[in-house]
Protein backbone atom coordinates (compact mmCIF):
# COMPACT_ATOMS: atom_id res chain seq x y z
CA MET A 1 19.50 21.40 31.65
CA VAL A 2 18.61 24.53 30.24
CA ARG A 3 19.04 25.33 26.47
CA GLY A 4 19.86 29.17 26.32
CA ILE A 5 19.92 32.45 27.78
CA SER A 6 17.13 35.08 26.22
CA PRO A 7 17.87 38.34 25.46
CA ASP A 8 16.61 40.01 28.72
CA GLY A 9 18.93 37.46 30.34
CA GLU A 10 16.23 34.77 31.43
CA ALA A 11 17.22 31.28 31.57
CA LEU A 12 14.75 29.13 29.10
CA ILE A 13 13.45 25.65 29.55
CA VAL A 14 11.41 23.48 27.36
CA ILE A 15 9.50 20.39 28.99
CA GLY A 16 8.82 17.84 26.64
CA LEU A 17 5.28 16.54 28.43
CA THR A 18 4.09 12.89 27.27
CA GLY A 19 1.76 10.32 28.61
CA GLY A 20 -0.36 7.33 27.77
CA ILE A 21 -4.27 7.83 27.01
CA LEU A 22 -5.90 9.24 29.90
CA SER A 23 -2.95 9.39 32.05
CA GLY A 24 -3.30 12.84 33.07
CA LYS A 25 -1.16 14.68 30.35
CA SER A 26 -3.48 17.42 29.43
CA THR A 27 -4.79 18.04 32.87
CA VAL A 28 -1.02 18.66 33.71
CA ALA A 29 -0.25 20.58 30.73
CA ASN A 30 -3.63 22.93 31.72
CA MET A 31 -1.54 23.08 35.42
CA LEU A 32 1.49 24.19 34.18
CA LYS A 33 -0.23 26.71 31.84
CA LYS A 34 -1.98 28.40 34.95
CA LEU A 35 1.39 28.57 36.56
CA GLY A 36 2.86 30.51 33.87
CA ALA A 37 4.01 27.93 31.33
CA THR A 38 3.79 28.60 27.49
CA ILE A 39 2.14 25.35 25.68
CA ILE A 40 2.78 24.14 22.55
CA ASP A 41 0.18 21.40 21.70
CA ALA A 42 1.80 18.76 18.98
CA ASP A 43 -1.98 17.96 17.92
CA LYS A 44 -2.63 21.28 16.67
CA VAL A 45 0.85 21.54 14.78
CA GLY A 46 -0.16 18.41 13.34
CA HIS A 47 -3.76 20.16 11.98
CA GLU A 48 -1.64 23.39 10.71
CA ALA A 49 0.68 20.73 8.83
CA TYR A 50 -2.29 19.46 7.10
CA ARG A 51 -3.65 22.92 5.39
CA PRO A 52 -4.20 22.73 1.83
CA ASP A 53 -1.54 23.88 -0.37
CA THR A 54 1.22 23.34 2.09
CA GLU A 55 4.41 21.54 1.35
CA THR A 56 3.10 18.77 3.87
CA TRP A 57 -0.62 18.62 2.35
CA ARG A 58 1.13 17.79 -1.03
CA GLU A 59 3.62 15.38 0.10
CA VAL A 60 0.60 13.42 2.04
CA VAL A 61 -2.00 13.91 -1.08
CA ALA A 62 1.18 12.54 -3.41
CA ALA A 63 1.29 9.87 -1.33
CA PHE A 64 -2.20 8.50 -0.69
CA GLY A 65 -4.13 10.23 -3.59
CA GLU A 66 -6.83 12.90 -3.81
CA ASN A 67 -9.52 10.64 -2.87
CA ILE A 68 -8.45 11.43 0.77
CA LEU A 69 -9.70 15.38 0.02
CA GLN A 70 -12.83 16.64 1.10
CA PRO A 71 -14.58 19.31 -1.18
CA ASP A 72 -12.81 22.23 0.29
CA ARG A 73 -9.33 20.62 -0.35
CA GLU A 74 -8.86 19.40 3.22
CA ILE A 75 -7.44 16.32 4.08
CA ASP A 76 -10.11 14.19 5.65
CA ARG A 77 -8.26 13.08 8.33
CA ARG A 78 -10.73 10.08 9.41
CA LYS A 79 -10.23 9.01 5.65
CA LEU A 80 -6.42 8.70 5.71
CA ALA A 81 -6.70 7.22 9.37
CA GLN A 82 -8.87 4.52 7.91
CA ILE A 83 -5.96 3.82 5.24
CA VAL A 84 -3.13 3.85 7.68
CA PHE A 85 -5.04 2.07 10.53
CA ASN A 86 -4.35 -1.45 9.59
CA ASP A 87 -1.53 -1.18 7.01
CA PRO A 88 1.79 -0.80 8.76
CA GLN A 89 3.51 0.13 5.57
CA ALA A 90 0.98 3.27 5.13
CA LEU A 91 1.43 4.10 8.52
CA GLN A 92 5.25 4.49 8.33
CA LYS A 93 4.87 6.30 5.03
CA LEU A 94 2.50 8.86 6.75
CA ASN A 95 4.67 9.18 9.78
CA GLY A 96 7.91 9.57 7.55
CA ILE A 97 6.29 12.42 6.05
CA MET A 98 4.38 14.07 9.21
CA HIS A 99 7.01 13.72 11.98
CA PRO A 100 9.80 15.36 10.72
CA ARG A 101 7.51 18.20 9.37
CA MET A 102 6.35 18.41 12.91
CA PHE A 103 9.68 18.34 14.43
CA GLN A 104 10.77 21.41 12.21
CA MET A 105 7.24 23.49 12.68
CA MET A 106 7.72 22.80 16.54
CA LYS A 107 11.40 23.74 16.54
CA ASP A 108 10.49 27.02 14.70
CA LYS A 109 7.61 27.80 17.18
CA ILE A 110 10.07 27.32 20.31
CA GLU A 111 12.45 29.63 18.80
CA ALA A 112 9.68 32.07 18.10
CA LEU A 113 8.36 32.01 21.21
CA ARG A 114 11.64 32.86 22.80
CA ARG A 115 12.47 35.52 20.74
CA GLU A 116 8.91 37.31 20.89
CA GLU A 117 6.98 36.26 24.21
CA LYS A 118 10.26 35.97 26.35
CA THR A 119 8.73 33.47 28.16
CA ASP A 120 11.20 31.02 30.35
CA VAL A 121 9.31 27.65 30.22
CA LEU A 122 7.97 26.12 27.19
CA VAL A 123 5.84 22.84 27.34
CA LEU A 124 5.70 20.89 24.49
CA GLU A 125 2.74 18.80 25.13
CA ALA A 126 3.08 15.51 22.84
CA ALA A 127 1.56 12.23 22.84
CA ILE A 128 4.31 10.49 20.85
CA LEU A 129 7.10 12.95 21.82
CA ILE A 130 9.36 9.79 22.23
CA GLU A 131 7.97 7.75 19.17
CA ALA A 132 8.19 10.33 16.63
CA ASN A 133 11.91 11.27 17.78
CA TRP A 134 11.06 14.83 19.38
CA ILE A 135 12.97 14.28 22.39
CA PRO A 136 15.52 16.57 21.33
CA LEU A 137 13.34 19.65 21.26
CA ALA A 138 13.26 19.21 24.95
CA ASP A 139 15.56 19.89 27.80
CA GLN A 140 13.56 17.49 30.15
CA VAL A 141 10.72 15.17 29.56
CA TRP A 142 8.02 14.55 32.12
CA VAL A 143 5.71 11.96 31.73
CA THR A 144 2.31 11.15 33.20
CA ALA A 145 1.61 7.91 34.29
CA ALA A 146 -0.96 5.76 36.13
CA PRO A 147 -1.70 2.04 36.86
CA GLU A 148 -3.18 0.17 34.05
CA GLU A 149 -6.64 -0.78 36.11
CA THR A 150 -6.71 2.70 36.69
CA VAL A 151 -6.50 4.01 32.78
CA ILE A 152 -8.85 1.11 32.34
CA GLN A 153 -11.35 2.30 34.15
CA ARG A 154 -11.35 5.94 33.14
CA LEU A 155 -11.55 4.73 29.54
CA VAL A 156 -14.60 2.45 30.32
CA ASN A 157 -16.28 5.37 32.54
CA ARG A 158 -15.04 8.48 30.52
CA ASN A 159 -14.89 7.23 26.85
CA GLY A 160 -17.69 4.47 26.98
CA LEU A 161 -15.35 1.57 26.01
CA THR A 162 -15.79 -1.75 27.25
CA GLU A 163 -13.02 -3.54 29.33
CA GLU A 164 -11.44 -5.50 26.26
CA GLN A 165 -11.44 -2.28 23.87
CA ALA A 166 -9.65 -0.49 26.90
CA ARG A 167 -7.04 -2.75 27.14
CA ALA A 168 -6.51 -2.97 23.25
CA ARG A 169 -5.88 0.59 23.11
CA ILE A 170 -3.34 0.58 25.96
CA LYS A 171 -1.43 -2.17 24.32
CA SER A 172 -1.08 -0.46 20.86
CA GLN A 173 0.69 2.62 22.97
CA LEU A 174 4.01 2.61 24.00
CA SER A 175 4.29 0.72 27.60
CA SER A 176 4.64 2.97 30.91
CA ALA A 177 7.88 1.44 31.81
CA GLU A 178 9.38 2.55 28.40
CA ARG A 179 8.18 6.08 28.64
CA ALA A 180 9.51 6.00 32.06
CA ARG A 181 12.98 5.01 30.47
CA HIS A 182 13.27 8.25 28.74
CA ALA A 183 11.73 10.61 31.54
CA ASP A 184 13.25 13.40 33.65
CA VAL A 185 10.32 13.33 36.01
CA VAL A 186 7.46 11.01 36.00
CA ILE A 187 4.11 12.29 37.45
CA ASP A 188 1.98 9.73 39.34
CA THR A 189 -1.81 10.63 38.70
CA ASN A 190 -3.55 7.83 40.75
CA CYS A 191 -4.48 9.99 43.04
CA THR A 192 -6.82 13.07 43.87
CA LEU A 193 -6.57 15.93 41.27
CA ALA A 194 -5.71 18.08 44.45
CA GLU A 195 -2.80 16.04 44.83
CA VAL A 196 -1.67 16.07 41.10
CA GLU A 197 -1.95 19.81 41.56
CA ASP A 198 0.65 19.65 44.89
CA LYS A 199 2.97 17.59 42.71
CA VAL A 200 2.85 19.72 39.92
CA LYS A 201 3.35 23.13 41.58
CA LYS A 202 6.23 21.02 43.94
CA LEU A 203 8.25 20.07 40.45
CA TRP A 204 7.16 24.14 39.14
CA ALA A 205 8.75 25.59 42.07
CA ASP A 206 12.03 23.01 42.09
CA MET A 207 12.21 24.14 38.21
CA LYS A 208 12.08 28.13 38.98
CA LYS A 209 15.01 27.97 41.32
CA GLU A 210 17.17 26.04 38.69
CA LEU A 211 16.42 28.35 35.88
CA ALA A 212 17.45 31.10 38.90
CA ALA A 213 20.36 29.21 39.53
CA ASP A 214 21.61 29.02 35.67
CA VAL A 215 21.01 32.74 35.47
CA GLY A 216 22.62 33.70 38.67
């Protein structure tokens, strides 16, 4: 499924790339970037949204108070996280402010990249693509996945968490089964890096054929 055609006649596609913690999402994004995709990182968009004196910044400060500000008027994201971490209502309030604003910012970026760079593949890398209801921004949803025990070992070995902490981190996220339910493509990363790269290259080649067929 392709959303549009650029002024020079090239088909355009937006991939929504998501996955659980240490499932290989960023690794796959980097591979797609090397193949020629343009990446929009939702985390970076979130940082932009928090910039001082923006509309989003004013709304967050109004909701949570000026005590979340640093001396330079930047929002102290660590302090804000502490406020919402154990308060579901506060988290819902923050998400209610941030998620729609980020949606619009990413939509604007997608349209600008289509106009200005004439790229034919955009990748929206977003850990909470499904939870934040950002799926409408994408033509396809790609999900990276690995067995729970593999992710636990990655969290223990790379992040220094205990096994109990690792299981709690995984449990706090959307399940792999739920992500897969929304996916057009599931990339199993429980293999070597070279094997993951082979999978991504094949998906890329198939997608390029689809784009060429849409233009033709």
